[in-house]
């Protein structure tokens, strides 16, 4: 199993900021020396390296999943006529047997002698 390295939220520029008193919404994330917090080009070297490392790991995982998918045999989209008939015959036998069981129970219940009530 592949273990992921957890990157702290602070390195993804998701720092919590003081909310605006008038709106109650968080203030935009801005740091000194950065024009736009969402742009990886303006991030410090350690944050950019962590971001790029995570992208590389995700790229490797996607490639491995695509290879696994390509290696699997192609399956038919819909079952053939024979498979449908076989499934229906199994279902029909099940329903007939089930209805026989229900009929047996109702027959036994109707033929049972009434039990005297004790009070």
N, C-alpha and C. Protein backbone atom coordinates (compact mmCIF):
# COMPACT_ATOMS: atom_id res chain seq x y z
N UNK A 1 0.84 -1.18 0.00
CA UNK A 1 0.00 0.00 0.00
C UNK A 1 0.89 1.24 0.00
N UNK A 2 0.48 2.24 -0.73
CA UNK A 2 1.24 3.45 -0.88
C UNK A 2 0.91 4.41 0.26
N UNK A 3 1.94 4.85 0.95
CA UNK A 3 1.72 5.80 2.04
C UNK A 3 1.92 7.21 1.53
N UNK A 4 0.98 8.05 1.81
CA UNK A 4 1.08 9.45 1.40
C UNK A 4 1.74 10.26 2.48
N UNK A 5 2.55 11.20 2.07
CA UNK A 5 3.15 12.12 3.00
C UNK A 5 2.17 13.26 3.20
N UNK A 6 1.80 13.51 4.42
CA UNK A 6 0.84 14.57 4.72
C UNK A 6 1.57 15.90 4.74
N UNK A 7 1.06 16.84 3.99
CA UNK A 7 1.63 18.17 3.94
C UNK A 7 0.76 19.07 4.81
N UNK A 8 1.36 19.79 5.76
CA UNK A 8 0.54 20.63 6.63
C UNK A 8 -0.23 21.68 5.83
N UNK A 9 -1.40 22.02 6.33
CA UNK A 9 -2.25 22.98 5.63
C UNK A 9 -1.56 24.33 5.48
N UNK A 10 -0.70 24.68 6.42
CA UNK A 10 -0.04 25.97 6.33
C UNK A 10 0.86 26.05 5.10
N UNK A 11 1.38 24.92 4.64
CA UNK A 11 2.23 24.96 3.46
C UNK A 11 1.43 25.07 2.18
N UNK A 12 0.13 24.91 2.27
CA UNK A 12 -0.73 25.07 1.09
C UNK A 12 -1.40 26.43 1.09
N UNK A 13 -0.94 27.33 1.91
CA UNK A 13 -1.47 28.70 2.02
C UNK A 13 -2.93 28.70 2.41
N UNK A 14 -3.29 27.81 3.31
CA UNK A 14 -4.66 27.77 3.81
C UNK A 14 -4.70 28.27 5.25
N UNK A 15 -3.87 29.25 5.52
CA UNK A 15 -3.80 29.77 6.87
C UNK A 15 -5.09 30.50 7.23
N UNK A 16 -5.49 30.31 8.44
CA UNK A 16 -6.69 31.00 8.89
C UNK A 16 -6.34 32.46 9.16
N UNK A 17 -7.20 33.32 8.73
CA UNK A 17 -6.98 34.74 8.95
C UNK A 17 -8.13 35.30 9.76
N UNK A 18 -7.92 36.47 10.26
CA UNK A 18 -8.96 37.11 11.06
C UNK A 18 -10.16 37.42 10.16
N UNK A 19 -11.34 37.13 10.67
CA UNK A 19 -12.53 37.38 9.86
C UNK A 19 -12.90 38.85 9.95
N UNK A 20 -13.56 39.29 8.92
CA UNK A 20 -14.01 40.68 8.87
C UNK A 20 -15.16 40.85 9.85
N UNK A 21 -15.11 41.88 10.63
CA UNK A 21 -16.14 42.10 11.65
C UNK A 21 -17.49 42.37 11.01
N UNK A 22 -17.51 42.99 9.83
CA UNK A 22 -18.78 43.36 9.23
C UNK A 22 -19.45 42.20 8.51
N UNK A 23 -18.70 41.33 7.85
CA UNK A 23 -19.31 40.25 7.08
C UNK A 23 -19.25 38.91 7.76
N UNK A 24 -18.29 38.69 8.63
CA UNK A 24 -18.14 37.39 9.28
C UNK A 24 -17.44 36.37 8.40
N UNK A 25 -17.02 36.78 7.19
CA UNK A 25 -16.31 35.88 6.28
C UNK A 25 -14.81 36.03 6.48
N UNK A 26 -14.02 34.98 6.19
CA UNK A 26 -12.58 35.11 6.34
C UNK A 26 -12.02 36.14 5.36
N UNK A 27 -11.01 36.84 5.83
CA UNK A 27 -10.34 37.81 4.96
C UNK A 27 -9.50 37.06 3.95
N UNK A 28 -9.22 37.64 2.78
CA UNK A 28 -8.40 36.96 1.78
C UNK A 28 -7.02 36.64 2.33
N UNK A 29 -6.46 35.51 1.92
CA UNK A 29 -5.16 35.06 2.39
C UNK A 29 -4.07 35.81 1.62
N UNK A 30 -3.37 36.68 2.27
CA UNK A 30 -2.28 37.44 1.66
C UNK A 30 -1.08 37.37 2.60
N UNK A 31 0.09 37.25 2.03
CA UNK A 31 1.31 37.24 2.82
C UNK A 31 2.25 38.28 2.26
N UNK A 32 3.10 38.80 3.11
CA UNK A 32 4.07 39.78 2.65
C UNK A 32 5.00 39.13 1.64
N UNK A 33 5.26 39.82 0.55
CA UNK A 33 6.16 39.29 -0.47
C UNK A 33 5.47 38.43 -1.50
N UNK A 34 4.16 38.22 -1.37
CA UNK A 34 3.41 37.41 -2.33
C UNK A 34 2.32 38.25 -2.94
N UNK A 35 2.21 38.17 -4.26
CA UNK A 35 1.12 38.88 -4.92
C UNK A 35 -0.17 38.09 -4.78
N UNK A 36 -0.13 36.81 -5.08
CA UNK A 36 -1.33 35.98 -5.06
C UNK A 36 -1.01 34.69 -4.32
N UNK A 37 -1.78 34.38 -3.26
CA UNK A 37 -1.50 33.20 -2.44
C UNK A 37 -1.77 31.91 -3.18
N UNK A 38 -2.67 31.91 -4.16
CA UNK A 38 -3.02 30.68 -4.86
C UNK A 38 -2.03 30.35 -5.97
N UNK A 39 -1.08 31.19 -6.25
CA UNK A 39 -0.12 30.97 -7.33
C UNK A 39 1.13 30.28 -6.80
N UNK A 40 1.44 29.04 -7.24
CA UNK A 40 2.63 28.33 -6.76
C UNK A 40 3.92 29.06 -7.12
N UNK A 41 3.93 29.89 -8.16
CA UNK A 41 5.15 30.56 -8.58
C UNK A 41 5.63 31.54 -7.51
N UNK A 42 4.72 32.10 -6.74
CA UNK A 42 5.09 33.07 -5.73
C UNK A 42 5.33 32.47 -4.36
N UNK A 43 5.23 31.17 -4.22
CA UNK A 43 5.41 30.52 -2.93
C UNK A 43 6.88 30.44 -2.56
N UNK A 44 7.15 30.35 -1.27
CA UNK A 44 8.54 30.10 -0.85
C UNK A 44 8.99 28.73 -1.36
N UNK A 45 10.29 28.52 -1.43
CA UNK A 45 10.86 27.31 -2.03
C UNK A 45 10.38 26.03 -1.35
N UNK A 46 10.28 26.01 -0.02
CA UNK A 46 9.87 24.78 0.67
C UNK A 46 8.42 24.43 0.38
N UNK A 47 7.56 25.43 0.30
CA UNK A 47 6.15 25.17 -0.03
C UNK A 47 6.01 24.71 -1.47
N UNK A 48 6.74 25.35 -2.37
CA UNK A 48 6.68 24.96 -3.77
C UNK A 48 7.20 23.54 -3.95
N UNK A 49 8.26 23.17 -3.24
CA UNK A 49 8.82 21.82 -3.33
C UNK A 49 7.82 20.79 -2.82
N UNK A 50 7.15 21.08 -1.71
CA UNK A 50 6.15 20.15 -1.17
C UNK A 50 4.99 20.00 -2.15
N UNK A 51 4.58 21.10 -2.75
CA UNK A 51 3.49 21.07 -3.74
C UNK A 51 3.89 20.23 -4.95
N UNK A 52 5.06 20.46 -5.48
CA UNK A 52 5.52 19.71 -6.65
C UNK A 52 5.73 18.23 -6.33
N UNK A 53 6.21 17.93 -5.12
CA UNK A 53 6.38 16.54 -4.71
C UNK A 53 5.04 15.82 -4.65
N UNK A 54 4.05 16.49 -4.10
CA UNK A 54 2.71 15.90 -4.02
C UNK A 54 2.13 15.69 -5.42
N UNK A 55 2.35 16.65 -6.32
CA UNK A 55 1.90 16.48 -7.70
C UNK A 55 2.58 15.29 -8.37
N UNK A 56 3.87 15.11 -8.14
CA UNK A 56 4.59 13.97 -8.71
C UNK A 56 4.04 12.66 -8.18
N UNK A 57 3.79 12.59 -6.86
CA UNK A 57 3.24 11.37 -6.27
C UNK A 57 1.86 11.06 -6.85
N UNK A 58 1.04 12.09 -7.00
CA UNK A 58 -0.29 11.87 -7.57
C UNK A 58 -0.18 11.43 -9.03
N UNK A 59 0.74 12.00 -9.78
CA UNK A 59 0.95 11.60 -11.16
C UNK A 59 1.36 10.14 -11.27
N UNK A 60 2.24 9.70 -10.37
CA UNK A 60 2.66 8.29 -10.36
C UNK A 60 1.48 7.37 -10.05
N UNK A 61 0.64 7.78 -9.10
CA UNK A 61 -0.51 6.95 -8.75
C UNK A 61 -1.49 6.86 -9.91
N UNK A 62 -1.71 7.97 -10.62
CA UNK A 62 -2.62 7.97 -11.77
C UNK A 62 -2.07 7.05 -12.86
N UNK A 63 -0.77 7.14 -13.12
CA UNK A 63 -0.15 6.28 -14.13
C UNK A 63 -0.30 4.81 -13.76
N UNK A 64 -0.08 4.47 -12.49
CA UNK A 64 -0.22 3.08 -12.05
C UNK A 64 -1.66 2.60 -12.20
N UNK A 65 -2.62 3.45 -11.88
CA UNK A 65 -4.03 3.07 -12.03
C UNK A 65 -4.40 2.89 -13.50
N UNK A 66 -3.89 3.75 -14.36
CA UNK A 66 -4.17 3.61 -15.80
C UNK A 66 -3.57 2.31 -16.34
N UNK A 67 -2.38 1.94 -15.89
CA UNK A 67 -1.77 0.68 -16.33
C UNK A 67 -2.59 -0.51 -15.87
N UNK A 68 -3.08 -0.45 -14.61
CA UNK A 68 -3.92 -1.54 -14.10
C UNK A 68 -5.20 -1.66 -14.89
N UNK A 69 -5.79 -0.53 -15.24
CA UNK A 69 -7.03 -0.54 -16.01
C UNK A 69 -6.80 -1.09 -17.41
N UNK A 70 -5.67 -0.73 -18.04
CA UNK A 70 -5.36 -1.23 -19.37
C UNK A 70 -5.07 -2.73 -19.36
N UNK A 71 -4.54 -3.25 -18.24
CA UNK A 71 -4.19 -4.67 -18.14
C UNK A 71 -5.41 -5.56 -17.95
N UNK A 72 -6.51 -5.00 -17.48
CA UNK A 72 -7.72 -5.80 -17.26
C UNK A 72 -8.37 -6.13 -18.59
N UNK A 73 -8.91 -7.34 -18.71
CA UNK A 73 -9.60 -7.68 -19.96
C UNK A 73 -10.87 -6.85 -20.13
N UNK A 74 -11.14 -6.51 -21.35
CA UNK A 74 -12.34 -5.72 -21.64
C UNK A 74 -13.58 -6.56 -21.38
N UNK A 75 -14.52 -6.00 -20.66
CA UNK A 75 -15.76 -6.72 -20.36
C UNK A 75 -16.85 -6.26 -21.31
N UNK A 76 -17.81 -7.17 -21.53
CA UNK A 76 -18.94 -6.81 -22.38
C UNK A 76 -19.83 -5.83 -21.63
N UNK A 77 -20.40 -4.93 -22.37
CA UNK A 77 -21.25 -3.93 -21.75
C UNK A 77 -22.58 -4.54 -21.31
N UNK A 78 -23.17 -5.40 -22.15
CA UNK A 78 -24.47 -5.99 -21.84
C UNK A 78 -24.37 -7.51 -21.91
N UNK A 79 -25.18 -8.22 -21.10
CA UNK A 79 -25.17 -9.68 -21.16
C UNK A 79 -25.81 -10.17 -22.46
N UNK A 80 -25.39 -11.36 -22.88
CA UNK A 80 -25.95 -11.95 -24.09
C UNK A 80 -27.34 -12.53 -23.84
N UNK A 81 -27.99 -12.95 -24.93
CA UNK A 81 -29.34 -13.50 -24.84
C UNK A 81 -29.38 -14.75 -23.97
N UNK A 82 -28.36 -15.61 -24.09
CA UNK A 82 -28.32 -16.85 -23.29
C UNK A 82 -28.21 -16.54 -21.80
N UNK A 83 -27.40 -15.55 -21.45
CA UNK A 83 -27.25 -15.18 -20.04
C UNK A 83 -28.55 -14.61 -19.48
N UNK A 84 -29.26 -13.86 -20.29
CA UNK A 84 -30.54 -13.30 -19.84
C UNK A 84 -31.55 -14.42 -19.61
N UNK A 85 -31.63 -15.37 -20.54
CA UNK A 85 -32.57 -16.49 -20.39
C UNK A 85 -32.23 -17.33 -19.17
N UNK A 86 -30.95 -17.57 -18.94
CA UNK A 86 -30.54 -18.35 -17.77
C UNK A 86 -30.94 -17.63 -16.49
N UNK A 87 -30.70 -16.33 -16.42
CA UNK A 87 -31.05 -15.55 -15.24
C UNK A 87 -32.56 -15.56 -14.99
N UNK A 88 -33.32 -15.41 -16.05
CA UNK A 88 -34.78 -15.42 -15.90
C UNK A 88 -35.30 -16.78 -15.45
N UNK A 89 -34.71 -17.85 -15.96
CA UNK A 89 -35.18 -19.18 -15.55
C UNK A 89 -34.85 -19.43 -14.08
N UNK A 90 -33.71 -18.97 -13.62
CA UNK A 90 -33.36 -19.10 -12.20
C UNK A 90 -34.35 -18.30 -11.36
N UNK A 91 -34.64 -17.10 -11.79
CA UNK A 91 -35.59 -16.25 -11.05
C UNK A 91 -36.98 -16.87 -11.04
N UNK A 92 -37.39 -17.44 -12.15
CA UNK A 92 -38.70 -18.07 -12.23
C UNK A 92 -38.79 -19.26 -11.27
N UNK A 93 -37.75 -20.10 -11.24
CA UNK A 93 -37.74 -21.23 -10.30
C UNK A 93 -37.79 -20.75 -8.86
N UNK A 94 -37.05 -19.69 -8.56
CA UNK A 94 -37.06 -19.12 -7.21
C UNK A 94 -38.46 -18.66 -6.84
N UNK A 95 -39.11 -17.91 -7.73
CA UNK A 95 -40.44 -17.39 -7.44
C UNK A 95 -41.46 -18.50 -7.27
N UNK A 96 -41.39 -19.52 -8.11
CA UNK A 96 -42.33 -20.65 -7.97
C UNK A 96 -42.15 -21.34 -6.63
N UNK A 97 -40.92 -21.60 -6.24
CA UNK A 97 -40.65 -22.27 -4.98
C UNK A 97 -41.10 -21.40 -3.80
N UNK A 98 -40.82 -20.12 -3.89
CA UNK A 98 -41.21 -19.19 -2.83
C UNK A 98 -42.73 -19.15 -2.68
N UNK A 99 -43.46 -19.13 -3.80
CA UNK A 99 -44.92 -19.11 -3.74
C UNK A 99 -45.46 -20.42 -3.16
N UNK A 100 -44.81 -21.54 -3.44
CA UNK A 100 -45.22 -22.82 -2.84
C UNK A 100 -45.07 -22.77 -1.33
N UNK A 101 -43.97 -22.21 -0.85
CA UNK A 101 -43.74 -22.12 0.59
C UNK A 101 -44.82 -21.25 1.24
N UNK A 102 -45.13 -20.14 0.63
CA UNK A 102 -46.17 -19.25 1.17
C UNK A 102 -47.51 -19.95 1.18
N UNK A 103 -47.81 -20.69 0.11
CA UNK A 103 -49.08 -21.41 0.04
C UNK A 103 -49.15 -22.47 1.13
N UNK A 104 -48.05 -23.17 1.39
CA UNK A 104 -48.02 -24.16 2.47
C UNK A 104 -48.31 -23.52 3.82
N UNK A 105 -47.70 -22.38 4.07
CA UNK A 105 -47.93 -21.70 5.35
C UNK A 105 -49.37 -21.24 5.50
N UNK A 106 -49.93 -20.68 4.46
CA UNK A 106 -51.32 -20.21 4.57
C UNK A 106 -52.29 -21.37 4.71
N UNK A 107 -52.01 -22.50 4.04
CA UNK A 107 -52.87 -23.68 4.16
C UNK A 107 -52.82 -24.22 5.58
N UNK A 108 -51.62 -24.29 6.16
CA UNK A 108 -51.48 -24.76 7.54
C UNK A 108 -52.22 -23.84 8.50
N UNK A 109 -52.12 -22.55 8.27
CA UNK A 109 -52.78 -21.59 9.16
C UNK A 109 -54.30 -21.71 9.07
N UNK A 110 -54.81 -21.90 7.85
CA UNK A 110 -56.26 -21.99 7.68
C UNK A 110 -56.82 -23.30 8.24
N UNK A 111 -56.03 -24.37 8.18
CA UNK A 111 -56.50 -25.68 8.65
C UNK A 111 -56.24 -25.91 10.12
N UNK A 112 -55.53 -25.06 10.75
CA UNK A 112 -55.21 -25.26 12.17
C UNK A 112 -56.47 -25.07 13.00
N UNK A 113 -56.57 -25.90 14.06
CA UNK A 113 -57.71 -25.79 14.96
C UNK A 113 -57.55 -24.55 15.81
N UNK A 114 -58.63 -23.86 16.06
CA UNK A 114 -58.51 -22.66 16.89
C UNK A 114 -58.16 -23.02 18.33
N UNK A 115 -57.29 -22.23 18.90
CA UNK A 115 -56.87 -22.47 20.27
C UNK A 115 -57.84 -21.71 21.18
N UNK A 116 -58.38 -22.40 22.20
CA UNK A 116 -59.29 -21.69 23.08
C UNK A 116 -58.57 -20.58 23.85
N UNK A 117 -59.26 -19.49 24.02
CA UNK A 117 -58.67 -18.35 24.73
C UNK A 117 -58.79 -18.56 26.23
N UNK A 118 -57.74 -18.23 26.92
CA UNK A 118 -57.74 -18.34 28.38
C UNK A 118 -57.69 -16.95 28.96
N UNK A 119 -58.65 -16.66 29.72
CA UNK A 119 -58.67 -15.36 30.38
C UNK A 119 -58.84 -15.44 31.84
